[in-house]
C-alpha cells in the first residue's frame, strides 16, 4: 500500500515537473523571439562559420605577415589555377575565401 502511494506521488510529481520545464522553455523561446536575441544569435553563428581567421588564410595561401598584397595575389592565382586543373572545388573555395579574408585586412590597412 505504501509503495503504491509513493509510486503515484513520484509519477504525479514528475508529470508536473515536466510540464513546468516545457512551459518555461516555451516562454523563454517566445521572449527570445520577441527581443530579437534568437535572430542575432543565428546571424552570429552564420557569420562565424563563414569567416576565416587571418592566420588560417595566410596558412592556406602560404603568405607571411610581411607579404605584400601583390605577393598574396600571385600566390592566390597560382593556387587557384592549379586547383582548377585538378578539379577540386573544395580547395578552390578555400583558396578564394582565404584571399577574400586577407583582402579585407590589406584594404583596411591602406
PDB file of N, CA and C in Angstrom:
ATOM      1  N   UNK A   1       0.809  -1.192   0.000  1.00  0.00           N
ATOM      2  CA  UNK A   1       0.000   0.000   0.000  1.00  0.00           C
ATOM      3  C   UNK A   1       0.858   1.265   0.000  1.00  0.00           C
ATOM      4  N   UNK A   2       1.869   1.301   0.857  1.00  0.00           N
ATOM      5  CA  UNK A   2       2.735   2.479   0.946  1.00  0.00           C
ATOM      6  C   UNK A   2       3.565   2.629  -0.328  1.00  0.00           C
ATOM      7  N   UNK A   3       3.991   1.505  -0.887  1.00  0.00           N
ATOM      8  CA  UNK A   3       4.780   1.534  -2.125  1.00  0.00           C
ATOM      9  C   UNK A   3       3.979   2.097  -3.291  1.00  0.00           C
ATOM     10  N   UNK A   4       2.686   1.729  -3.330  1.00  0.00           N
ATOM     11  CA  UNK A   4       1.803   2.224  -4.386  1.00  0.00           C
ATOM     12  C   UNK A   4       1.611   3.735  -4.262  1.00  0.00           C
ATOM     13  N   UNK A   5       1.463   4.196  -3.040  1.00  0.00           N
ATOM     14  CA  UNK A   5       1.276   5.619  -2.788  1.00  0.00           C
ATOM     15  C   UNK A   5       2.526   6.410  -3.187  1.00  0.00           C
ATOM     16  N   UNK A   6       3.683   5.902  -2.837  1.00  0.00           N
ATOM     17  CA  UNK A   6       4.947   6.575  -3.198  1.00  0.00           C
ATOM     18  C   UNK A   6       5.123   6.596  -4.710  1.00  0.00           C
ATOM     19  N   UNK A   7       4.805   5.494  -5.375  1.00  0.00           N
ATOM     20  CA  UNK A   7       4.928   5.441  -6.832  1.00  0.00           C
ATOM     21  C   UNK A   7       4.004   6.456  -7.484  1.00  0.00           C
ATOM     22  N   UNK A   8       2.775   6.581  -6.984  1.00  0.00           N
ATOM     23  CA  UNK A   8       1.831   7.569  -7.522  1.00  0.00           C
ATOM     24  C   UNK A   8       2.340   8.988  -7.312  1.00  0.00           C
ATOM     25  N   UNK A   9       2.888   9.262  -6.153  1.00  0.00           N
ATOM     26  CA  UNK A   9       3.435  10.593  -5.872  1.00  0.00           C
ATOM     27  C   UNK A   9       4.605  10.918  -6.817  1.00  0.00           C
ATOM     28  N   UNK A  10       5.449   9.950  -7.071  1.00  0.00           N
ATOM     29  CA  UNK A  10       6.587  10.164  -7.981  1.00  0.00           C
ATOM     30  C   UNK A  10       6.102  10.444  -9.396  1.00  0.00           C
ATOM     31  N   UNK A  11       5.135   9.682  -9.865  1.00  0.00           N
ATOM     32  CA  UNK A  11       4.610   9.868 -11.210  1.00  0.00           C
ATOM     33  C   UNK A  11       3.946  11.245 -11.343  1.00  0.00           C
ATOM     34  N   UNK A  12       3.112  11.600 -10.382  1.00  0.00           N
ATOM     35  CA  UNK A  12       2.418  12.895 -10.428  1.00  0.00           C
ATOM     36  C   UNK A  12       3.415  14.044 -10.336  1.00  0.00           C
ATOM     37  N   UNK A  13       4.385  13.911  -9.432  1.00  0.00           N
ATOM     38  CA  UNK A  13       5.395  14.960  -9.275  1.00  0.00           C
ATOM     39  C   UNK A  13       6.234  15.150 -10.527  1.00  0.00           C
ATOM     40  N   UNK A  14       6.640  14.052 -11.154  1.00  0.00           N
ATOM     41  CA  UNK A  14       7.456  14.163 -12.367  1.00  0.00           C
ATOM     42  C   UNK A  14       6.639  14.726 -13.529  1.00  0.00           C
ATOM     43  N   UNK A  15       5.333  14.435 -13.567  1.00  0.00           N
ATOM     44  CA  UNK A  15       4.470  14.986 -14.615  1.00  0.00           C
ATOM     45  C   UNK A  15       4.392  16.502 -14.489  1.00  0.00           C
ATOM     46  N   UNK A  16       4.176  16.998 -13.265  1.00  0.00           N
ATOM     47  CA  UNK A  16       4.113  18.447 -13.055  1.00  0.00           C
ATOM     48  C   UNK A  16       5.460  19.110 -13.354  1.00  0.00           C
ATOM     49  N   UNK A  17       6.522  18.452 -12.976  1.00  0.00           N
ATOM     50  CA  UNK A  17       7.855  18.990 -13.227  1.00  0.00           C
ATOM     51  C   UNK A  17       8.121  19.087 -14.729  1.00  0.00           C
ATOM     52  N   UNK A  18       7.782  18.040 -15.466  1.00  0.00           N
ATOM     53  CA  UNK A  18       7.989  18.050 -16.917  1.00  0.00           C
ATOM     54  C   UNK A  18       7.153  19.144 -17.578  1.00  0.00           C
ATOM     55  N   UNK A  19       5.915  19.297 -17.155  1.00  0.00           N
ATOM     56  CA  UNK A  19       5.051  20.353 -17.717  1.00  0.00           C
ATOM     57  C   UNK A  19       5.642  21.734 -17.437  1.00  0.00           C
ATOM     58  N   UNK A  20       6.144  21.924 -16.237  1.00  0.00           N
ATOM     59  CA  UNK A  20       6.748  23.204 -15.874  1.00  0.00           C
ATOM     60  C   UNK A  20       7.987  23.509 -16.712  1.00  0.00           C
ATOM     61  N   UNK A  21       8.804  22.512 -16.941  1.00  0.00           N
ATOM     62  CA  UNK A  21      10.008  22.703 -17.757  1.00  0.00           C
ATOM     63  C   UNK A  21       9.636  23.049 -19.190  1.00  0.00           C
ATOM     64  N   UNK A  22       8.690  22.333 -19.756  1.00  0.00           N
ATOM     65  CA  UNK A  22       8.255  22.599 -21.131  1.00  0.00           C
ATOM     66  C   UNK A  22       7.655  23.999 -21.241  1.00  0.00           C
ATOM     67  N   UNK A  23       6.823  24.383 -20.287  1.00  0.00           N
ATOM     68  CA  UNK A  23       6.209  25.709 -20.317  1.00  0.00           C
ATOM     69  C   UNK A  23       7.269  26.805 -20.171  1.00  0.00           C
ATOM     70  N   UNK A  24       8.235  26.594 -19.303  1.00  0.00           N
ATOM     71  CA  UNK A  24       9.318  27.559 -19.147  1.00  0.00           C
ATOM     72  C   UNK A  24      10.141  27.700 -20.418  1.00  0.00           C
ATOM     73  N   UNK A  25      10.402  26.600 -21.081  1.00  0.00           N
ATOM     74  CA  UNK A  25      11.143  26.628 -22.337  1.00  0.00           C
ATOM     75  C   UNK A  25      10.362  27.384 -23.408  1.00  0.00           C
ATOM     76  N   UNK A  26       9.068  27.149 -23.474  1.00  0.00           N
ATOM     77  CA  UNK A  26       8.232  27.868 -24.452  1.00  0.00           C
ATOM     78  C   UNK A  26       8.264  29.373 -24.203  1.00  0.00           C
ATOM     79  N   UNK A  27       8.175  29.762 -22.943  1.00  0.00           N
ATOM     80  CA  UNK A  27       8.214  31.181 -22.614  1.00  0.00           C
ATOM     81  C   UNK A  27       9.581  31.785 -22.928  1.00  0.00           C
ATOM     82  N   UNK A  28      10.634  31.044 -22.685  1.00  0.00           N
ATOM     83  CA  UNK A  28      11.979  31.535 -22.991  1.00  0.00           C
ATOM     84  C   UNK A  28      12.143  31.742 -24.496  1.00  0.00           C
ATOM     85  N   UNK A  29      11.628  30.814 -25.287  1.00  0.00           N
ATOM     86  CA  UNK A  29      11.686  30.966 -26.746  1.00  0.00           C
ATOM     87  C   UNK A  29      10.878  32.163 -27.210  1.00  0.00           C
ATOM     88  N   UNK A  30       9.697  32.332 -26.628  1.00  0.00           N
ATOM     89  CA  UNK A  30       8.855  33.473 -27.004  1.00  0.00           C
ATOM     90  C   UNK A  30       9.540  34.786 -26.650  1.00  0.00           C
ATOM     91  N   UNK A  31      10.164  34.858 -25.485  1.00  0.00           N
ATOM     92  CA  UNK A  31      10.882  36.070 -25.084  1.00  0.00           C
ATOM     93  C   UNK A  31      12.072  36.334 -25.992  1.00  0.00           C
ATOM     94  N   UNK A  32      12.786  35.276 -26.373  1.00  0.00           N
ATOM     95  CA  UNK A  32      13.942  35.440 -27.252  1.00  0.00           C
ATOM     96  C   UNK A  32      13.510  35.938 -28.628  1.00  0.00           C
ATOM     97  N   UNK A  33      12.413  35.404 -29.130  1.00  0.00           N
ATOM     98  CA  UNK A  33      11.913  35.862 -30.431  1.00  0.00           C
ATOM     99  C   UNK A  33      11.446  37.304 -30.355  1.00  0.00           C
ATOM    100  N   UNK A  34      10.810  37.635 -29.255  1.00  0.00           N
ATOM    101  CA  UNK A  34      10.283  38.990 -29.076  1.00  0.00           C
ATOM    102  C   UNK A  34      11.399  40.025 -28.989  1.00  0.00           C
ATOM    103  N   UNK A  35      12.477  39.675 -28.297  1.00  0.00           N
ATOM    104  CA  UNK A  35      13.559  40.640 -28.110  1.00  0.00           C
ATOM    105  C   UNK A  35      14.582  40.601 -29.243  1.00  0.00           C
ATOM    106  N   UNK A  36      14.493  39.641 -30.129  1.00  0.00           N
ATOM    107  CA  UNK A  36      15.418  39.569 -31.255  1.00  0.00           C
ATOM    108  C   UNK A  36      16.715  38.848 -30.937  1.00  0.00           C
ATOM    109  N   UNK A  37      16.827  38.310 -29.753  1.00  0.00           N
ATOM    110  CA  UNK A  37      18.047  37.614 -29.363  1.00  0.00           C
ATOM    111  C   UNK A  37      18.262  36.379 -30.233  1.00  0.00           C
ATOM    112  N   UNK A  38      17.200  35.671 -30.539  1.00  0.00           N
ATOM    113  CA  UNK A  38      17.325  34.454 -31.330  1.00  0.00           C
ATOM    114  C   UNK A  38      17.857  34.780 -32.726  1.00  0.00           C
ATOM    115  N   UNK A  39      17.335  35.831 -33.343  1.00  0.00           N
ATOM    116  CA  UNK A  39      17.792  36.202 -34.681  1.00  0.00           C
ATOM    117  C   UNK A  39      19.256  36.631 -34.662  1.00  0.00           C
ATOM    118  N   UNK A  40      19.627  37.396 -33.647  1.00  0.00           N
ATOM    119  CA  UNK A  40      21.009  37.860 -33.527  1.00  0.00           C
ATOM    120  C   UNK A  40      21.956  36.687 -33.326  1.00  0.00           C
ATOM    121  N   UNK A  41      21.552  35.729 -32.515  1.00  0.00           N
ATOM    122  CA  UNK A  41      22.383  34.557 -32.269  1.00  0.00           C
ATOM    123  C   UNK A  41      22.566  33.744 -33.538  1.00  0.00           C
ATOM    124  N   UNK A  42      21.480  33.518 -34.265  1.00  0.00           N
ATOM    125  CA  UNK A  42      21.586  32.795 -35.525  1.00  0.00           C
ATOM    126  C   UNK A  42      22.487  33.513 -36.514  1.00  0.00           C
ATOM    127  N   UNK A  43      22.374  34.817 -36.601  1.00  0.00           N
ATOM    128  CA  UNK A  43      23.211  35.602 -37.514  1.00  0.00           C
ATOM    129  C   UNK A  43      24.680  35.496 -37.122  1.00  0.00           C
ATOM    130  N   UNK A  44      24.963  35.544 -35.824  1.00  0.00           N
ATOM    131  CA  UNK A  44      26.343  35.418 -35.360  1.00  0.00           C
ATOM    132  C   UNK A  44      26.917  34.047 -35.679  1.00  0.00           C
ATOM    133  N   UNK A  45      26.108  33.014 -35.531  1.00  0.00           N
ATOM    134  CA  UNK A  45      26.563  31.662 -35.841  1.00  0.00           C
ATOM    135  C   UNK A  45      26.848  31.541 -37.328  1.00  0.00           C
ATOM    136  N   UNK A  46      25.975  32.072 -38.153  1.00  0.00           N
ATOM    137  CA  UNK A  46      26.191  32.026 -39.608  1.00  0.00           C
ATOM    138  C   UNK A  46      27.457  32.779 -39.996  1.00  0.00           C
ATOM    139  N   UNK A  47      27.644  33.959 -39.440  1.00  0.00           N
ATOM    140  CA  UNK A  47      28.827  34.753 -39.778  1.00  0.00           C
ATOM    141  C   UNK A  47      30.101  34.099 -39.282  1.00  0.00           C
ATOM    142  N   UNK A  48      30.054  33.530 -38.104  1.00  0.00           N
ATOM    143  CA  UNK A  48      31.243  32.900 -37.542  1.00  0.00           C
ATOM    144  C   UNK A  48      31.655  31.687 -38.352  1.00  0.00           C
ATOM    145  N   UNK A  49      30.713  30.950 -38.871  1.00  0.00           N
ATOM    146  CA  UNK A  49      31.054  29.775 -39.649  1.00  0.00           C
ATOM    147  C   UNK A  49      31.573  30.121 -41.031  1.00  0.00           C
ATOM    148  N   UNK A  50      31.311  31.322 -41.519  1.00  0.00           N
ATOM    149  CA  UNK A  50      31.752  31.715 -42.851  1.00  0.00           C
ATOM    150  C   UNK A  50      33.071  32.462 -42.843  1.00  0.00           C
ATOM    151  N   UNK A  51      33.428  33.073 -41.738  1.00  0.00           N
ATOM    152  CA  UNK A  51      34.636  33.870 -41.713  1.00  0.00           C
ATOM    153  C   UNK A  51      35.851  32.996 -41.475  1.00  0.00           C
ATOM    154  N   UNK A  52      36.960  33.458 -41.980  1.00  0.00           N
ATOM    155  CA  UNK A  52      38.210  32.740 -41.850  1.00  0.00           C
ATOM    156  C   UNK A  52      39.181  33.648 -41.102  1.00  0.00           C
ATOM    157  N   UNK A  53      39.930  33.078 -40.210  1.00  0.00           N
ATOM    158  CA  UNK A  53      40.893  33.886 -39.472  1.00  0.00           C
ATOM    159  C   UNK A  53      42.051  34.270 -40.378  1.00  0.00           C
ATOM    160  N   UNK A  54      42.739  35.324 -39.995  1.00  0.00           N
ATOM    161  CA  UNK A  54      43.889  35.777 -40.781  1.00  0.00           C
ATOM    162  C   UNK A  54      44.976  34.701 -40.803  1.00  0.00           C
ATOM    163  N   UNK A  55      45.193  34.066 -39.674  1.00  0.00           N
ATOM    164  CA  UNK A  55      46.214  33.024 -39.591  1.00  0.00           C
ATOM    165  C   UNK A  55      45.894  31.863 -40.539  1.00  0.00           C
ATOM    166  N   UNK A  56      44.631  31.443 -40.559  1.00  0.00           N
ATOM    167  CA  UNK A  56      44.226  30.349 -41.440  1.00  0.00           C
ATOM    168  C   UNK A  56      44.372  30.754 -42.904  1.00  0.00           C
ATOM    169  N   UNK A  57      43.988  31.993 -43.225  1.00  0.00           N
ATOM    170  CA  UNK A  57      44.093  32.463 -44.600  1.00  0.00           C
ATOM    171  C   UNK A  57      45.551  32.518 -45.042  1.00  0.00           C
ATOM    172  N   UNK A  58      46.418  33.007 -44.181  1.00  0.00           N
ATOM    173  CA  UNK A  58      47.843  33.075 -44.527  1.00  0.00           C
ATOM    174  C   UNK A  58      48.431  31.678 -44.681  1.00  0.00           C
ATOM    175  N   UNK A  59      47.986  30.755 -43.861  1.00  0.00           N
ATOM    176  CA  UNK A  59      48.477  29.378 -43.941  1.00  0.00           C
ATOM    177  C   UNK A  59      48.038  28.731 -45.255  1.00  0.00           C
ATOM    178  N   UNK A  60      46.821  28.959 -45.669  1.00  0.00           N
ATOM    179  CA  UNK A  60      46.314  28.371 -46.909  1.00  0.00           C
ATOM    180  C   UNK A  60      47.075  28.915 -48.106  1.00  0.00           C
ATOM    181  N   UNK A  61      47.292  30.222 -48.123  1.00  0.00           N
ATOM    182  CA  UNK A  61      47.966  30.844 -49.266  1.00  0.00           C
ATOM    183  C   UNK A  61      49.487  30.796 -49.153  1.00  0.00           C
ATOM    184  N   UNK A  62      49.997  30.449 -48.003  1.00  0.00           N
ATOM    185  CA  UNK A  62      51.445  30.414 -47.824  1.00  0.00           C
ATOM    186  C   UNK A  62      52.041  31.808 -47.772  1.00  0.00           C
ATOM    187  N   UNK A  63      51.315  32.753 -47.212  1.00  0.00           N
ATOM    188  CA  UNK A  63      51.766  34.135 -47.133  1.00  0.00           C
ATOM    189  C   UNK A  63      52.144  34.458 -45.689  1.00  0.00           C
ATOM    190  N   UNK A  64      53.229  35.191 -45.538  1.00  0.00           N
ATOM    191  CA  UNK A  64      53.644  35.611 -44.199  1.00  0.00           C
ATOM    192  C   UNK A  64      53.004  36.959 -43.873  1.00  0.00           C
ATOM    193  N   UNK A  65      53.213  37.409 -42.653  1.00  0.00           N
ATOM    194  CA  UNK A  65      52.658  38.697 -42.242  1.00  0.00           C
ATOM    195  C   UNK A  65      53.325  39.851 -42.983  1.00  0.00           C
ATOM    196  N   UNK A  66      54.547  39.628 -43.461  1.00  0.00           N
ATOM    197  CA  UNK A  66      55.277  40.673 -44.181  1.00  0.00           C
ATOM    198  C   UNK A  66      54.978  40.683 -45.681  1.00  0.00           C
ATOM    199  N   UNK A  67      54.226  39.711 -46.171  1.00  0.00           N
ATOM    200  CA  UNK A  67      53.935  39.622 -47.609  1.00  0.00           C
ATOM    201  C   UNK A  67      53.128  40.816 -48.070  1.00  0.00           C
ATOM    202  N   UNK A  68      53.456  41.299 -49.259  1.00  0.00           N
ATOM    203  CA  UNK A  68      52.693  42.409 -49.833  1.00  0.00           C
ATOM    204  C   UNK A  68      51.416  41.864 -50.460  1.00  0.00           C
ATOM    205  N   UNK A  69      50.502  42.770 -50.776  1.00  0.00           N
ATOM    206  CA  UNK A  69      49.239  42.367 -51.397  1.00  0.00           C
ATOM    207  C   UNK A  69      49.495  41.729 -52.762  1.00  0.00           C
ATOM    208  N   UNK A  70      50.498  42.214 -53.482  1.00  0.00           N
ATOM    209  CA  UNK A  70      50.835  41.641 -54.790  1.00  0.00           C
ATOM    210  C   UNK A  70      51.317  40.194 -54.640  1.00  0.00           C
ATOM    211  N   UNK A  71      52.107  39.925 -53.584  1.00  0.00           N
ATOM    212  CA  UNK A  71      52.552  38.548 -53.328  1.00  0.00           C
ATOM    213  C   UNK A  71      51.363  37.645 -53.019  1.00  0.00           C
ATOM    214  N   UNK A  72      50.439  38.147 -52.235  1.00  0.00           N
ATOM    215  CA  UNK A  72      49.245  37.366 -51.886  1.00  0.00           C
ATOM    216  C   UNK A  72      48.444  37.055 -53.145  1.00  0.00           C
ATOM    217  N   UNK A  73      48.264  38.059 -54.006  1.00  0.00           N
ATOM    218  CA  UNK A  73      47.515  37.835 -55.253  1.00  0.00           C
ATOM    219  C   UNK A  73      48.213  36.837 -56.163  1.00  0.00           C
ATOM    220  N   UNK A  74      49.537  36.914 -56.222  1.00  0.00           N
ATOM    221  CA  UNK A  74      50.290  35.975 -57.061  1.00  0.00           C
ATOM    222  C   UNK A  74      50.111  34.540 -56.544  1.00  0.00           C
ATOM    223  N   UNK A  75      50.215  34.359 -55.232  1.00  0.00           N
ATOM    224  CA  UNK A  75      50.037  33.021 -54.652  1.00  0.00           C
ATOM    225  C   UNK A  75      48.604  32.537 -54.842  1.00  0.00           C
ATOM    226  N   UNK A  76      47.651  33.453 -54.705  1.00  0.00           N
ATOM    227  CA  UNK A  76      46.244  33.101 -54.920  1.00  0.00           C
ATOM    228  C   UNK A  76      46.031  32.607 -56.352  1.00  0.00           C
ATOM    229  N   UNK A  77      46.520  33.368 -57.332  1.00  0.00           N
ATOM    230  CA  UNK A  77      46.330  32.994 -58.735  1.00  0.00           C
ATOM    231  C   UNK A  77      46.965  31.651 -59.040  1.00  0.00           C
ATOM    232  N   UNK A  78      48.161  31.415 -58.526  1.00  0.00           N
ATOM    233  CA  UNK A  78      48.839  30.136 -58.755  1.00  0.00           C
ATOM    234  C   UNK A  78      48.040  28.978 -58.181  1.00  0.00           C
ATOM    235  N   UNK A  79      47.641  29.108 -56.920  1.00  0.00           N
ATOM    236  CA  UNK A  79      46.886  28.029 -56.275  1.00  0.00           C
ATOM    237  C   UNK A  79      45.526  27.818 -56.920  1.00  0.00           C
ATOM    238  N   UNK A  80      44.858  28.916 -57.259  1.00  0.00           N
ATOM    239  CA  UNK A  80      43.525  28.803 -57.854  1.00  0.00           C
ATOM    240  C   UNK A  80      43.592  28.103 -59.212  1.00  0.00           C
ATOM    241  N   UNK A  81      44.562  28.483 -60.023  1.00  0.00           N
ATOM    242  CA  UNK A  81      44.699  27.866 -61.351  1.00  0.00           C
ATOM    243  C   UNK A  81      45.100  26.402 -61.247  1.00  0.00           C
ATOM    244  N   UNK A  82      46.002  26.073 -60.325  1.00  0.00           N
ATOM    245  CA  UNK A  82      46.403  24.676 -60.149  1.00  0.00           C
ATOM    246  C   UNK A  82      45.221  23.813 -59.706  1.00  0.00           C
ATOM    247  N   UNK A  83      44.399  24.334 -58.825  1.00  0.00           N
ATOM    248  CA  UNK A  83      43.241  23.566 -58.371  1.00  0.00           C
ATOM    249  C   UNK A  83      42.163  23.501 -59.440  1.00  0.00           C
ATOM    250  N   UNK A  84      42.129  24.464 -60.350  1.00  0.00           N
ATOM    251  CA  UNK A  84      41.170  24.417 -61.455  1.00  0.00           C
ATOM    252  C   UNK A  84      41.514  23.264 -62.393  1.00  0.00           C
ATOM    253  N   UNK A  85      42.793  23.016 -62.565  1.00  0.00           N
ATOM    254  CA  UNK A  85      43.229  21.916 -63.434  1.00  0.00           C
ATOM    255  C   UNK A  85      42.900  20.559 -62.815  1.00  0.00           C
ATOM    256  N   UNK A  86      43.119  20.449 -61.518  1.00  0.00           N
ATOM    257  CA  UNK A  86      42.863  19.193 -60.814  1.00  0.00           C
ATOM    258  C   UNK A  86      41.365  18.967 -60.634  1.00  0.00           C
ATOM    259  N   UNK A  87      40.636  20.060 -60.451  1.00  0.00           N
ATOM    260  CA  UNK A  87      39.188  19.955 -60.331  1.00  0.00           C
ATOM    261  C   UNK A  87      38.670  19.868 -58.916  1.00  0.00           C
ATOM    262  N   UNK A  88      39.441  20.362 -57.941  1.00  0.00           N
ATOM    263  CA  UNK A  88      38.997  20.315 -56.556  1.00  0.00           C
ATOM    264  C   UNK A  88      38.272  21.615 -56.206  1.00  0.00           C
ATOM    265  N   UNK A  89      36.943  21.561 -56.253  1.00  0.00           N
ATOM    266  CA  UNK A  89      36.140  22.741 -55.953  1.00  0.00           C
ATOM    267  C   UNK A  89      36.316  23.158 -54.495  1.00  0.00           C
ATOM    268  N   UNK A  90      36.461  22.189 -53.600  1.00  0.00           N
ATOM    269  CA  UNK A  90      36.637  22.491 -52.177  1.00  0.00           C
ATOM    270  C   UNK A  90      37.904  23.312 -51.949  1.00  0.00           C
ATOM    271  N   UNK A  91      39.006  22.867 -52.546  1.00  0.00           N
ATOM    272  CA  UNK A  91      40.259  23.603 -52.372  1.00  0.00           C
ATOM    273  C   UNK A  91      40.190  24.973 -53.030  1.00  0.00           C
ATOM    274  N   UNK A  92      39.549  25.046 -54.183  1.00  0.00           N
ATOM    275  CA  UNK A  92      39.397  26.350 -54.835  1.00  0.00           C
ATOM    276  C   UNK A  92      38.617  27.306 -53.944  1.00  0.00           C
ATOM    277  N   UNK A  93      37.566  26.819 -53.322  1.00  0.00           N
ATOM    278  CA  UNK A  93      36.766  27.700 -52.471  1.00  0.00           C
ATOM    279  C   UNK A  93      37.549  28.126 -51.231  1.00  0.00           C
ATOM    280  N   UNK A  94      38.367  27.226 -50.670  1.00  0.00           N
ATOM    281  CA  UNK A  94      39.202  27.590 -49.528  1.00  0.00           C
ATOM    282  C   UNK A  94      40.204  28.670 -49.917  1.00  0.00           C
ATOM    283  N   UNK A  95      40.824  28.515 -51.080  1.00  0.00           N
ATOM    284  CA  UNK A  95      41.796  29.498 -51.568  1.00  0.00           C
ATOM    285  C   UNK A  95      41.097  30.838 -51.792  1.00  0.00           C
ATOM    286  N   UNK A  96      39.917  30.794 -52.379  1.00  0.00           N
ATOM    287  CA  UNK A  96      39.175  32.030 -52.643  1.00  0.00           C
ATOM    288  C   UNK A  96      38.775  32.724 -51.340  1.00  0.00           C
ATOM    289  N   UNK A  97      38.290  31.957 -50.365  1.00  0.00           N
ATOM    290  CA  UNK A  97      37.909  32.542 -49.073  1.00  0.00           C
ATOM    291  C   UNK A  97      39.125  33.131 -48.359  1.00  0.00           C
ATOM    292  N   UNK A  98      40.272  32.478 -48.505  1.00  0.00           N
ATOM    293  CA  UNK A  98      41.495  32.997 -47.888  1.00  0.00           C
ATOM    294  C   UNK A  98      41.869  34.332 -48.507  1.00  0.00           C
ATOM    295  N   UNK A  99      41.756  34.423 -49.824  1.00  0.00           N
ATOM    296  CA  UNK A  99      42.056  35.693 -50.494  1.00  0.00           C
ATOM    297  C   UNK A  99      41.083  36.774 -50.046  1.00  0.00           C
ATOM    298  N   UNK A 100      39.807  36.452 -49.962  1.00  0.00           N
ATOM    299  CA  UNK A 100      38.810  37.428 -49.512  1.00  0.00           C
ATOM    300  C   UNK A 100      39.110  37.917 -48.109  1.00  0.00           C
ATOM    301  N   UNK A 101      39.483  36.999 -47.235  1.00  0.00           N
ATOM    302  CA  UNK A 101      39.777  37.354 -45.854  1.00  0.00           C
ATOM    303  C   UNK A 101      40.979  38.299 -45.784  1.00  0.00           C
ATOM    304  N   UNK A 102      42.033  37.978 -46.505  1.00  0.00           N
ATOM    305  CA  UNK A 102      43.223  38.833 -46.492  1.00  0.00           C
ATOM    306  C   UNK A 102      42.977  40.144 -47.221  1.00  0.00           C
ATOM    307  N   UNK A 103      42.116  40.121 -48.214  1.00  0.00           N
ATOM    308  CA  UNK A 103      41.797  41.342 -48.946  1.00  0.00           C
ATOM    309  C   UNK A 103      41.177  42.383 -48.012  1.00  0.00           C
ATOM    310  N   UNK A 104      40.281  41.926 -47.152  1.00  0.00           N
ATOM    311  CA  UNK A 104      39.674  42.851 -46.186  1.00  0.00           C
ATOM    312  C   UNK A 104      40.734  43.425 -45.253  1.00  0.00           C
ATOM    313  N   UNK A 105      41.678  42.600 -44.840  1.00  0.00           N
ATOM    314  CA  UNK A 105      42.723  43.047 -43.910  1.00  0.00           C
ATOM    315  C   UNK A 105      43.658  44.037 -44.596  1.00  0.00           C
ATOM    316  N   UNK A 106      44.077  43.732 -45.816  1.00  0.00           N
ATOM    317  CA  UNK A 106      45.010  44.621 -46.523  1.00  0.00           C
ATOM    318  C   UNK A 106      44.352  45.953 -46.887  1.00  0.00           C
ATOM    319  N   UNK A 107      43.093  45.920 -47.253  1.00  0.00           N
ATOM    320  CA  UNK A 107      42.416  47.181 -47.624  1.00  0.00           C
ATOM    321  C   UNK A 107      42.108  48.025 -46.396  1.00  0.00           C
ATOM    322  N   UNK A 108      41.984  47.378 -45.248  1.00  0.00           N
ATOM    323  CA  UNK A 108      41.779  48.123 -44.011  1.00  0.00           C
ATOM    324  C   UNK A 108      43.057  48.878 -43.628  1.00  0.00           C
ATOM    325  N   UNK A 109      44.217  48.282 -43.940  1.00  0.00           N
ATOM    326  CA  UNK A 109      45.490  48.917 -43.613  1.00  0.00           C
ATOM    327  C   UNK A 109      45.767  50.138 -44.466  1.00  0.00           C
ATOM    328  N   UNK A 110      45.243  50.148 -45.676  1.00  0.00           N
ATOM    329  CA  UNK A 110      45.528  51.255 -46.597  1.00  0.00           C
ATOM    330  C   UNK A 110      44.757  52.495 -46.284  1.00  0.00           C
TER     331      UNK A 110
END
